[in-house]
Amino acid sequence: MKRLLQYSFFFSLLIANFLLSCNNGNPGKENITDKATKTAEGKTSYRKPGTENSDTLTIPPPSAVFFMPDSVQLGKIKSALDTLHYENDTHDCFYQMRNARNVLKEYWPQIRIVETSEARYLYFVDQSKQGVLIDLNSRNDMCGIYLFSKEKDPLFIDMMNIDTQLSLYFSK
């Protein structure tokens, strides 16, 4: 019970910190760009710039595909966001992806880890050899993970729930 209270307190502090950081924008950057806008709550939102690459990465099953922006996209994102939001987003991507890699390596070693920051298209080759093509420019996420099994269509997952989503997706 004491452990549950500690987790509840820590989680409450984490939520409060997140809410406070979302409302403390940098007043010197009101003209962010046409890619970033202020929402009614004062949060900064932006449309992820597309990559100019046209590379296609072919993915065999079973795989977990980690995608990140290329260096040009990263530069555009950095110029579109104030420093706090940019650092928060890159921090989140780094630690969530690191955690996901660790979970995969420890509990799902049979799943191939594929990483890309250069490919625009992901081509998932299923057992019928028809495949599924995903354009990463259509995703507004700075980073993320797709799971792919030969029996199922690729699935974009929430990295925060990697343990649960791996079990649900890869279970027969």
N, C-alpha and C. Protein backbone atom coordinates (compact mmCIF):
# COMPACT_ATOMS: atom_id res chain seq x y z
N MET A 1 0.83 -1.19 0.00
CA MET A 1 0.00 0.00 0.00
C MET A 1 0.87 1.25 0.00
N LYS A 2 1.96 1.21 0.79
CA LYS A 2 2.85 2.36 0.85
C LYS A 2 3.47 2.62 -0.53
N ARG A 3 3.82 1.54 -1.23
CA ARG A 3 4.41 1.65 -2.57
C ARG A 3 3.41 2.28 -3.54
N LEU A 4 2.15 1.91 -3.42
CA LEU A 4 1.10 2.47 -4.28
C LEU A 4 0.96 3.97 -4.04
N LEU A 5 1.02 4.39 -2.79
CA LEU A 5 0.94 5.81 -2.47
C LEU A 5 2.14 6.56 -3.03
N GLN A 6 3.32 5.94 -2.97
CA GLN A 6 4.51 6.59 -3.53
C GLN A 6 4.37 6.77 -5.04
N TYR A 7 3.88 5.73 -5.72
CA TYR A 7 3.68 5.83 -7.16
C TYR A 7 2.62 6.87 -7.50
N SER A 8 1.55 6.92 -6.71
CA SER A 8 0.49 7.91 -6.95
C SER A 8 1.03 9.32 -6.78
N PHE A 9 1.82 9.53 -5.75
CA PHE A 9 2.40 10.85 -5.51
C PHE A 9 3.35 11.23 -6.65
N PHE A 10 4.22 10.29 -7.06
CA PHE A 10 5.15 10.55 -8.15
C PHE A 10 4.40 10.86 -9.44
N PHE A 11 3.37 10.07 -9.75
CA PHE A 11 2.58 10.28 -10.96
C PHE A 11 1.89 11.64 -10.92
N SER A 12 1.37 12.04 -9.76
CA SER A 12 0.73 13.34 -9.62
C SER A 12 1.72 14.47 -9.87
N LEU A 13 2.93 14.33 -9.34
CA LEU A 13 3.97 15.34 -9.57
C LEU A 13 4.34 15.40 -11.06
N LEU A 14 4.42 14.25 -11.69
CA LEU A 14 4.77 14.20 -13.09
C LEU A 14 3.71 14.90 -13.95
N ILE A 15 2.44 14.65 -13.66
CA ILE A 15 1.35 15.29 -14.39
C ILE A 15 1.36 16.80 -14.15
N ALA A 16 1.55 17.21 -12.90
CA ALA A 16 1.58 18.65 -12.59
C ALA A 16 2.74 19.33 -13.31
N ASN A 17 3.90 18.69 -13.33
CA ASN A 17 5.06 19.24 -14.02
C ASN A 17 4.78 19.37 -15.51
N PHE A 18 4.17 18.36 -16.10
CA PHE A 18 3.84 18.40 -17.53
C PHE A 18 2.88 19.54 -17.83
N LEU A 19 1.84 19.65 -17.02
CA LEU A 19 0.85 20.71 -17.25
C LEU A 19 1.46 22.09 -17.11
N LEU A 20 2.33 22.27 -16.14
CA LEU A 20 2.98 23.56 -15.96
C LEU A 20 3.94 23.86 -17.11
N SER A 21 4.66 22.87 -17.58
CA SER A 21 5.62 23.12 -18.67
C SER A 21 4.91 23.40 -19.98
N CYS A 22 3.73 22.85 -20.17
CA CYS A 22 2.99 23.11 -21.40
C CYS A 22 2.50 24.56 -21.48
N ASN A 23 2.29 25.19 -20.36
CA ASN A 23 1.77 26.55 -20.35
C ASN A 23 2.84 27.61 -20.21
N ASN A 24 4.10 27.23 -20.06
CA ASN A 24 5.18 28.19 -19.91
C ASN A 24 5.95 28.34 -21.21
N GLY A 25 5.31 28.86 -22.25
CA GLY A 25 5.97 29.06 -23.53
C GLY A 25 7.01 30.16 -23.42
N ASN A 26 7.85 30.24 -24.41
CA ASN A 26 8.87 31.27 -24.47
C ASN A 26 8.26 32.53 -25.06
N PRO A 27 8.07 33.62 -24.28
CA PRO A 27 7.39 34.79 -24.80
C PRO A 27 8.14 35.46 -25.92
N GLY A 28 9.41 35.21 -26.08
CA GLY A 28 10.18 35.82 -27.14
C GLY A 28 9.96 35.19 -28.51
N LYS A 29 9.20 34.10 -28.58
CA LYS A 29 9.00 33.39 -29.85
C LYS A 29 7.52 33.32 -30.21
N GLU A 30 6.83 34.41 -30.19
CA GLU A 30 5.42 34.39 -30.55
C GLU A 30 5.21 34.13 -32.03
N ASN A 31 6.10 34.60 -32.90
CA ASN A 31 6.02 34.33 -34.32
C ASN A 31 6.75 33.04 -34.62
N ILE A 32 6.17 31.91 -34.35
CA ILE A 32 6.89 30.66 -34.46
C ILE A 32 7.13 30.30 -35.93
N THR A 33 6.17 30.11 -36.73
CA THR A 33 6.19 29.97 -38.19
C THR A 33 4.81 29.52 -38.59
N ASP A 34 4.60 29.33 -39.87
CA ASP A 34 3.29 28.86 -40.30
C ASP A 34 3.08 27.40 -39.96
N LYS A 35 4.13 26.68 -39.59
CA LYS A 35 3.99 25.27 -39.22
C LYS A 35 3.61 25.07 -37.76
N ALA A 36 3.73 26.10 -36.95
CA ALA A 36 3.41 25.99 -35.53
C ALA A 36 2.39 27.04 -35.17
N THR A 37 1.46 26.66 -34.33
CA THR A 37 0.41 27.58 -33.89
C THR A 37 0.19 27.40 -32.40
N LYS A 38 -0.38 28.42 -31.78
CA LYS A 38 -0.75 28.33 -30.38
C LYS A 38 -2.20 27.88 -30.29
N THR A 39 -2.46 26.88 -29.46
CA THR A 39 -3.82 26.42 -29.25
C THR A 39 -4.47 27.30 -28.19
N ALA A 40 -5.75 27.08 -27.96
CA ALA A 40 -6.49 27.87 -26.97
C ALA A 40 -5.89 27.72 -25.57
N GLU A 41 -5.29 26.56 -25.29
CA GLU A 41 -4.70 26.32 -23.97
C GLU A 41 -3.31 26.92 -23.86
N GLY A 42 -2.78 27.50 -24.95
CA GLY A 42 -1.45 28.07 -24.92
C GLY A 42 -0.36 27.09 -25.30
N LYS A 43 -0.72 25.86 -25.64
CA LYS A 43 0.26 24.86 -26.04
C LYS A 43 0.68 25.13 -27.49
N THR A 44 1.88 24.74 -27.83
CA THR A 44 2.35 24.88 -29.19
C THR A 44 2.09 23.58 -29.92
N SER A 45 1.45 23.69 -31.07
CA SER A 45 1.26 22.52 -31.90
C SER A 45 1.84 22.84 -33.27
N TYR A 46 2.28 21.83 -33.98
CA TYR A 46 2.86 22.05 -35.28
C TYR A 46 2.56 20.86 -36.16
N ARG A 47 2.69 21.07 -37.43
CA ARG A 47 2.56 19.99 -38.40
C ARG A 47 3.97 19.56 -38.75
N LYS A 48 4.28 18.30 -38.52
CA LYS A 48 5.63 17.80 -38.79
C LYS A 48 5.93 18.00 -40.27
N PRO A 49 7.07 18.62 -40.58
CA PRO A 49 7.43 18.79 -41.99
C PRO A 49 7.76 17.45 -42.62
N GLY A 50 7.38 17.27 -43.85
CA GLY A 50 7.67 16.02 -44.54
C GLY A 50 9.12 15.93 -44.94
N THR A 51 9.58 14.72 -45.16
CA THR A 51 10.96 14.52 -45.62
C THR A 51 11.00 14.69 -47.13
N GLU A 52 12.13 15.09 -47.62
CA GLU A 52 12.31 15.20 -49.06
C GLU A 52 12.86 13.91 -49.64
N ASN A 53 13.23 12.98 -48.78
CA ASN A 53 13.70 11.67 -49.24
C ASN A 53 12.54 10.91 -49.85
N SER A 54 12.86 10.04 -50.78
CA SER A 54 11.81 9.19 -51.35
C SER A 54 12.19 7.72 -51.22
N ASP A 55 13.09 7.45 -50.27
CA ASP A 55 13.55 6.07 -50.06
C ASP A 55 12.44 5.21 -49.45
N THR A 56 12.44 3.95 -49.84
CA THR A 56 11.50 2.97 -49.30
C THR A 56 12.30 1.90 -48.58
N LEU A 57 11.89 1.61 -47.35
CA LEU A 57 12.53 0.58 -46.55
C LEU A 57 11.61 -0.64 -46.52
N THR A 58 12.11 -1.79 -46.96
CA THR A 58 11.31 -3.02 -46.97
C THR A 58 11.49 -3.72 -45.63
N ILE A 59 10.36 -4.05 -45.01
CA ILE A 59 10.36 -4.61 -43.66
C ILE A 59 9.83 -6.05 -43.70
N PRO A 60 10.65 -7.03 -43.30
CA PRO A 60 10.16 -8.40 -43.18
C PRO A 60 9.59 -8.64 -41.77
N PRO A 61 8.66 -9.59 -41.65
CA PRO A 61 8.14 -9.90 -40.31
C PRO A 61 9.04 -10.88 -39.59
N PRO A 62 9.00 -11.00 -38.31
CA PRO A 62 8.38 -10.07 -37.35
C PRO A 62 9.36 -8.94 -37.05
N SER A 63 8.85 -7.73 -37.01
CA SER A 63 9.72 -6.57 -36.82
C SER A 63 9.05 -5.50 -35.97
N ALA A 64 9.91 -4.69 -35.37
CA ALA A 64 9.49 -3.45 -34.71
C ALA A 64 10.30 -2.35 -35.40
N VAL A 65 9.61 -1.42 -36.04
CA VAL A 65 10.27 -0.38 -36.81
C VAL A 65 10.22 0.93 -36.03
N PHE A 66 11.38 1.45 -35.70
CA PHE A 66 11.52 2.74 -35.01
C PHE A 66 11.79 3.79 -36.08
N PHE A 67 10.97 4.84 -36.11
CA PHE A 67 11.25 5.91 -37.07
C PHE A 67 11.46 7.23 -36.35
N MET A 68 12.34 8.04 -36.93
CA MET A 68 12.69 9.36 -36.39
C MET A 68 12.81 10.32 -37.56
N PRO A 69 12.81 11.62 -37.31
CA PRO A 69 12.98 12.58 -38.41
C PRO A 69 14.43 12.58 -38.91
N ASP A 70 14.58 12.91 -40.21
CA ASP A 70 15.94 13.06 -40.72
C ASP A 70 16.48 14.42 -40.26
N SER A 71 17.73 14.71 -40.57
CA SER A 71 18.36 15.92 -40.06
C SER A 71 17.70 17.19 -40.57
N VAL A 72 17.21 17.18 -41.80
CA VAL A 72 16.52 18.36 -42.35
C VAL A 72 15.20 18.58 -41.62
N GLN A 73 14.43 17.51 -41.45
CA GLN A 73 13.17 17.61 -40.71
C GLN A 73 13.41 18.09 -39.28
N LEU A 74 14.43 17.54 -38.64
CA LEU A 74 14.74 17.92 -37.27
C LEU A 74 15.05 19.42 -37.18
N GLY A 75 15.79 19.93 -38.14
CA GLY A 75 16.08 21.35 -38.17
C GLY A 75 14.83 22.19 -38.34
N LYS A 76 13.91 21.73 -39.19
CA LYS A 76 12.65 22.47 -39.40
C LYS A 76 11.77 22.42 -38.14
N ILE A 77 11.76 21.28 -37.49
CA ILE A 77 10.99 21.15 -36.24
C ILE A 77 11.57 22.08 -35.18
N LYS A 78 12.90 22.10 -35.09
CA LYS A 78 13.56 22.94 -34.09
C LYS A 78 13.25 24.42 -34.34
N SER A 79 13.21 24.84 -35.60
CA SER A 79 12.91 26.24 -35.88
C SER A 79 11.43 26.56 -35.71
N ALA A 80 10.58 25.53 -35.75
CA ALA A 80 9.14 25.76 -35.62
C ALA A 80 8.68 25.80 -34.17
N LEU A 81 9.48 25.27 -33.27
CA LEU A 81 9.08 25.20 -31.86
C LEU A 81 10.00 26.06 -31.00
N ASP A 82 9.46 26.51 -29.88
CA ASP A 82 10.35 27.18 -28.93
C ASP A 82 11.24 26.12 -28.28
N THR A 83 12.31 26.56 -27.68
CA THR A 83 13.34 25.66 -27.15
C THR A 83 12.77 24.64 -26.17
N LEU A 84 11.91 25.07 -25.27
CA LEU A 84 11.35 24.16 -24.27
C LEU A 84 10.57 23.01 -24.91
N HIS A 85 9.72 23.32 -25.86
CA HIS A 85 8.92 22.28 -26.50
C HIS A 85 9.77 21.35 -27.36
N TYR A 86 10.73 21.92 -28.06
CA TYR A 86 11.62 21.10 -28.88
C TYR A 86 12.42 20.13 -28.00
N GLU A 87 13.01 20.65 -26.93
CA GLU A 87 13.80 19.79 -26.05
C GLU A 87 12.93 18.74 -25.38
N ASN A 88 11.70 19.09 -25.02
CA ASN A 88 10.79 18.13 -24.41
C ASN A 88 10.45 17.01 -25.40
N ASP A 89 10.14 17.38 -26.65
CA ASP A 89 9.79 16.37 -27.65
C ASP A 89 10.96 15.44 -27.95
N THR A 90 12.16 16.00 -28.12
CA THR A 90 13.32 15.15 -28.41
C THR A 90 13.67 14.27 -27.21
N HIS A 91 13.53 14.81 -26.02
CA HIS A 91 13.77 14.04 -24.79
C HIS A 91 12.78 12.87 -24.72
N ASP A 92 11.51 13.15 -24.94
CA ASP A 92 10.49 12.09 -24.90
C ASP A 92 10.81 10.99 -25.92
N CYS A 93 11.13 11.39 -27.15
CA CYS A 93 11.45 10.40 -28.18
C CYS A 93 12.62 9.53 -27.75
N PHE A 94 13.69 10.16 -27.31
CA PHE A 94 14.89 9.42 -26.95
C PHE A 94 14.61 8.39 -25.85
N TYR A 95 13.99 8.81 -24.76
CA TYR A 95 13.80 7.91 -23.63
C TYR A 95 12.71 6.87 -23.87
N GLN A 96 11.65 7.23 -24.58
CA GLN A 96 10.62 6.24 -24.88
C GLN A 96 11.15 5.18 -25.84
N MET A 97 11.93 5.61 -26.82
CA MET A 97 12.48 4.64 -27.76
C MET A 97 13.54 3.76 -27.09
N ARG A 98 14.34 4.34 -26.22
CA ARG A 98 15.34 3.55 -25.50
C ARG A 98 14.64 2.49 -24.64
N ASN A 99 13.59 2.88 -23.95
CA ASN A 99 12.83 1.94 -23.13
C ASN A 99 12.23 0.83 -24.01
N ALA A 100 11.67 1.20 -25.15
CA ALA A 100 11.06 0.22 -26.03
C ALA A 100 12.11 -0.77 -26.56
N ARG A 101 13.28 -0.27 -26.94
CA ARG A 101 14.37 -1.16 -27.39
C ARG A 101 14.76 -2.14 -26.27
N ASN A 102 14.86 -1.63 -25.05
CA ASN A 102 15.23 -2.49 -23.92
C ASN A 102 14.19 -3.57 -23.69
N VAL A 103 12.92 -3.22 -23.76
CA VAL A 103 11.84 -4.19 -23.57
C VAL A 103 11.90 -5.25 -24.67
N LEU A 104 12.08 -4.81 -25.90
CA LEU A 104 12.17 -5.76 -27.01
C LEU A 104 13.35 -6.72 -26.84
N LYS A 105 14.51 -6.19 -26.51
CA LYS A 105 15.71 -7.02 -26.38
C LYS A 105 15.58 -8.01 -25.23
N GLU A 106 14.94 -7.59 -24.14
CA GLU A 106 14.86 -8.47 -22.97
C GLU A 106 13.74 -9.50 -23.09
N TYR A 107 12.54 -9.07 -23.53
CA TYR A 107 11.38 -9.96 -23.49
C TYR A 107 10.95 -10.50 -24.85
N TRP A 108 11.36 -9.85 -25.93
CA TRP A 108 10.95 -10.26 -27.27
C TRP A 108 12.17 -10.30 -28.20
N PRO A 109 13.20 -11.07 -27.86
CA PRO A 109 14.43 -11.06 -28.67
C PRO A 109 14.23 -11.59 -30.10
N GLN A 110 13.14 -12.31 -30.34
CA GLN A 110 12.88 -12.85 -31.67
C GLN A 110 12.35 -11.79 -32.64
N ILE A 111 11.99 -10.62 -32.11
CA ILE A 111 11.47 -9.53 -32.95
C ILE A 111 12.65 -8.70 -33.45
N ARG A 112 12.73 -8.56 -34.77
CA ARG A 112 13.80 -7.77 -35.40
C ARG A 112 13.55 -6.29 -35.14
N ILE A 113 14.58 -5.56 -34.72
CA ILE A 113 14.49 -4.11 -34.53
C ILE A 113 15.06 -3.43 -35.77
N VAL A 114 14.23 -2.61 -36.40
CA VAL A 114 14.63 -1.85 -37.59
C VAL A 114 14.51 -0.38 -37.23
N GLU A 115 15.55 0.39 -37.57
CA GLU A 115 15.53 1.82 -37.26
C GLU A 115 15.73 2.62 -38.54
N THR A 116 14.99 3.73 -38.67
CA THR A 116 15.17 4.58 -39.84
C THR A 116 14.93 6.04 -39.50
N SER A 117 15.73 6.87 -40.12
CA SER A 117 15.49 8.31 -40.07
C SER A 117 15.57 8.85 -41.50
N GLU A 118 15.89 8.00 -42.44
CA GLU A 118 16.08 8.44 -43.82
C GLU A 118 14.96 8.03 -44.76
N ALA A 119 14.26 6.94 -44.47
CA ALA A 119 13.24 6.44 -45.38
C ALA A 119 11.93 7.22 -45.21
N ARG A 120 11.29 7.49 -46.32
CA ARG A 120 9.96 8.13 -46.28
C ARG A 120 8.87 7.06 -46.23
N TYR A 121 9.10 5.97 -46.95
CA TYR A 121 8.08 4.91 -47.04
C TYR A 121 8.56 3.66 -46.31
N LEU A 122 7.62 3.00 -45.63
CA LEU A 122 7.86 1.70 -45.04
C LEU A 122 7.01 0.70 -45.80
N TYR A 123 7.66 -0.31 -46.37
CA TYR A 123 6.95 -1.33 -47.13
C TYR A 123 7.02 -2.62 -46.34
N PHE A 124 5.88 -3.01 -45.77
CA PHE A 124 5.78 -4.21 -44.94
C PHE A 124 5.36 -5.38 -45.83
N VAL A 125 6.23 -6.38 -45.95
CA VAL A 125 5.96 -7.53 -46.81
C VAL A 125 5.26 -8.60 -45.98
N ASP A 126 3.99 -8.82 -46.27
CA ASP A 126 3.23 -9.81 -45.51
C ASP A 126 3.35 -11.18 -46.17
N GLN A 127 2.66 -12.17 -45.60
CA GLN A 127 2.82 -13.54 -46.08
C GLN A 127 2.22 -13.72 -47.47
N SER A 128 1.30 -12.87 -47.91
CA SER A 128 0.75 -12.97 -49.25
C SER A 128 1.65 -12.30 -50.28
N LYS A 129 2.72 -11.67 -49.83
CA LYS A 129 3.70 -10.94 -50.65
C LYS A 129 3.11 -9.70 -51.32
N GLN A 130 1.88 -9.31 -50.93
CA GLN A 130 1.30 -8.08 -51.47
C GLN A 130 1.86 -6.88 -50.74
N GLY A 131 1.95 -6.97 -49.46
CA GLY A 131 2.56 -5.92 -48.66
C GLY A 131 1.66 -4.73 -48.37
N VAL A 132 2.13 -3.91 -47.44
CA VAL A 132 1.44 -2.69 -47.01
C VAL A 132 2.47 -1.56 -47.06
N LEU A 133 2.11 -0.45 -47.71
CA LEU A 133 3.01 0.69 -47.83
C LEU A 133 2.52 1.82 -46.94
N ILE A 134 3.41 2.35 -46.10
CA ILE A 134 3.05 3.46 -45.20
C ILE A 134 3.97 4.63 -45.52
N ASP A 135 3.36 5.79 -45.72
CA ASP A 135 4.10 7.03 -45.98
C ASP A 135 4.28 7.74 -44.63
N LEU A 136 5.51 7.84 -44.16
CA LEU A 136 5.76 8.47 -42.87
C LEU A 136 5.46 9.96 -42.88
N ASN A 137 5.40 10.58 -44.06
CA ASN A 137 5.00 11.99 -44.13
C ASN A 137 3.55 12.18 -43.71
N SER A 138 2.76 11.12 -43.76
CA SER A 138 1.36 11.23 -43.35
C SER A 138 1.18 11.17 -41.83
N ARG A 139 2.22 10.80 -41.12
CA ARG A 139 2.20 10.76 -39.65
C ARG A 139 2.71 12.09 -39.12
N ASN A 140 2.03 12.64 -38.15
CA ASN A 140 2.46 13.90 -37.56
C ASN A 140 3.33 13.67 -36.31
N ASP A 141 3.71 12.43 -36.07
CA ASP A 141 4.52 12.10 -34.91
C ASP A 141 5.99 12.31 -35.22
N MET A 142 6.69 12.93 -34.29
CA MET A 142 8.12 13.16 -34.46
C MET A 142 8.88 11.83 -34.52
N CYS A 143 8.43 10.85 -33.76
CA CYS A 143 9.05 9.54 -33.74
C CYS A 143 7.97 8.53 -33.37
N GLY A 144 8.29 7.27 -33.55
CA GLY A 144 7.31 6.25 -33.19
C GLY A 144 7.77 4.86 -33.56
N ILE A 145 6.86 3.92 -33.35
CA ILE A 145 7.15 2.51 -33.60
C ILE A 145 5.96 1.86 -34.32
N TYR A 146 6.29 1.07 -35.33
CA TYR A 146 5.31 0.19 -35.97
C TYR A 146 5.70 -1.24 -35.63
N LEU A 147 4.73 -2.04 -35.27
CA LEU A 147 4.94 -3.47 -35.08
C LEU A 147 4.45 -4.18 -36.32
N PHE A 148 5.12 -5.27 -36.68
CA PHE A 148 4.71 -6.00 -37.88
C PHE A 148 4.89 -7.49 -37.69
N SER A 149 3.81 -8.19 -37.93
CA SER A 149 3.77 -9.65 -37.87
C SER A 149 3.26 -10.14 -39.22
N LYS A 150 3.66 -11.34 -39.62
CA LYS A 150 3.21 -11.83 -40.93
C LYS A 150 1.71 -12.13 -40.96
N GLU A 151 1.09 -12.28 -39.79
CA GLU A 151 -0.34 -12.58 -39.75
C GLU A 151 -1.21 -11.33 -39.67
N LYS A 152 -0.62 -10.18 -39.36
CA LYS A 152 -1.42 -8.98 -39.11
C LYS A 152 -0.86 -7.79 -39.89
N ASP A 153 -1.72 -6.80 -40.09
CA ASP A 153 -1.27 -5.54 -40.69
C ASP A 153 -0.34 -4.83 -39.71
N PRO A 154 0.54 -3.98 -40.22
CA PRO A 154 1.41 -3.20 -39.33
C PRO A 154 0.56 -2.34 -38.39
N LEU A 155 1.05 -2.14 -37.20
CA LEU A 155 0.32 -1.38 -36.19
C LEU A 155 1.23 -0.32 -35.58
N PHE A 156 0.80 0.94 -35.65
CA PHE A 156 1.50 2.02 -34.97
C PHE A 156 1.09 1.95 -33.51
N ILE A 157 2.08 1.94 -32.61
CA ILE A 157 1.76 1.76 -31.20
C ILE A 157 2.17 2.97 -30.37
N ASP A 158 1.59 3.03 -29.19
CA ASP A 158 1.93 4.04 -28.20
C ASP A 158 3.14 3.52 -27.43
N MET A 159 4.26 4.23 -27.55
CA MET A 159 5.49 3.75 -26.90
C MET A 159 5.37 3.65 -25.39
N MET A 160 4.50 4.44 -24.80
CA MET A 160 4.33 4.39 -23.34
C MET A 160 3.74 3.06 -22.89
N ASN A 161 3.05 2.36 -23.80
CA ASN A 161 2.42 1.09 -23.46
C ASN A 161 3.06 -0.07 -24.21
N ILE A 162 4.36 0.00 -24.42
CA ILE A 162 5.06 -1.00 -25.22
C ILE A 162 4.87 -2.42 -24.69
N ASP A 163 4.91 -2.61 -23.39
CA ASP A 163 4.77 -3.95 -22.82
C ASP A 163 3.43 -4.58 -23.20
N THR A 164 2.37 -3.86 -22.97
CA THR A 164 1.03 -4.36 -23.24
C THR A 164 0.80 -4.54 -24.73
N GLN A 165 1.20 -3.56 -25.52
CA GLN A 165 0.91 -3.62 -26.95
C GLN A 165 1.71 -4.71 -27.66
N LEU A 166 2.92 -4.98 -27.21
CA LEU A 166 3.69 -6.10 -27.78
C LEU A 166 2.96 -7.41 -27.53
N SER A 167 2.51 -7.61 -26.31
CA SER A 167 1.81 -8.85 -25.95
C SER A 167 0.54 -9.01 -26.75
N LEU A 168 -0.23 -7.95 -26.86
CA LEU A 168 -1.50 -8.03 -27.58
C LEU A 168 -1.29 -8.26 -29.08
N TYR A 169 -0.33 -7.58 -29.65
CA TYR A 169 -0.13 -7.67 -31.08
C TYR A 169 0.50 -9.00 -31.51
N PHE A 170 1.52 -9.44 -30.81
CA PHE A 170 2.24 -10.63 -31.23
C PHE A 170 1.66 -11.93 -30.67
N SER A 171 0.64 -11.87 -29.83
CA SER A 171 0.03 -13.11 -29.34
C SER A 171 -0.84 -13.67 -30.46
N LYS A 172 -0.84 -14.96 -30.56
CA LYS A 172 -1.57 -15.63 -31.63
C LYS A 172 -3.01 -15.49 -31.42
